[in-house]
Amino acid sequence: MTGPELRRIRAFVAAFARRQAARTVELPGGFAVLDDAYAHSHGNNHVVVDGGMDPEALPALADKALGHLAHRAVTVLDDATGTACAGPMVRAGYSHSAEVVMLHTGPVPDGGPAEEVDLGAFREPLARRWRGFLPEAGEEVVRQLVDRREVRHRGADVVRFIGARTPEGDVASWADLYMDRASGTAQVEDLITAEAHLGHGYADAVLSTALRQAVDAGCATRFLVADADDWPRHWYGRRGFTVVGRFHSFGRG
């Protein structure tokens, strides 16, 4: 089961990146996605490797595609290819990290006390979190990292923001849910809780609601991507997610 599921997930991630982009540039073994409106966002301006690639050629390809930007960012969707690219990319001055692809294989929750919300409902807590994650970033960078969420609606047939509210009505935790009903694939992305509300079960409510909505939409393949070396992967593991593969990310600047 893992082989077909992982191939479906890679195809979904590549298709989402293409659809979300303002423009794309085809490259040997992959493509670049670009959006001048969010030039500070690595997630909107990066190279995606989804095919065969000469590892030694990747640094030059990234420079050619992203040369007008202050940063370089590359995502490799195949584990073996990403491992092979690590040496040349690190020698070229890139950092290297791995993300685990986690498939939901556990029981499907009944749902949680969360709901679909719009970006305005969590814009301010999201901006505060970005200021905490990137304390040296200027306000224009933070603005782009918040506003870029709106263009995610281009990435899949169904894109929802799921939020859990406090008794006072504030959105305490939120995540994206992307769904492609044709392939039966759903991704939960960017699950974040406002710092003041950590440890109160709001993230559980968001995740449970997203999973239930995915199942109700007919999505048998439900996945997320988590940092291979950080604690959230273990939190997801306790909630029915199993590691089925790895992506590789390279960054500079």
Foldseek 3Di string as FASTA:
>chain_A
DLVVLLVVVLVLVLLLLCQLAPDWADDVQWIWGADPVQLLDCSRTAIEGEGDDDLLCVVVVQCVRSVVGPKYKYKYSAPVRQVVNVVNQVVVPKDKFKKFKWWFDDDQFPAFQKDFDDLVLCLVLQLVVVCVVPVPDDPVNSVSVSVSVVSSCRRAPDKTKIFHADPVGHTFWIWIWHDHLVQLEIETGDTDGRPVCPPPCGSVNRVSNSRNVSVVSRRPTYIYIGGPPDDVVVVVVVVRIDGSRMMMMIMDD
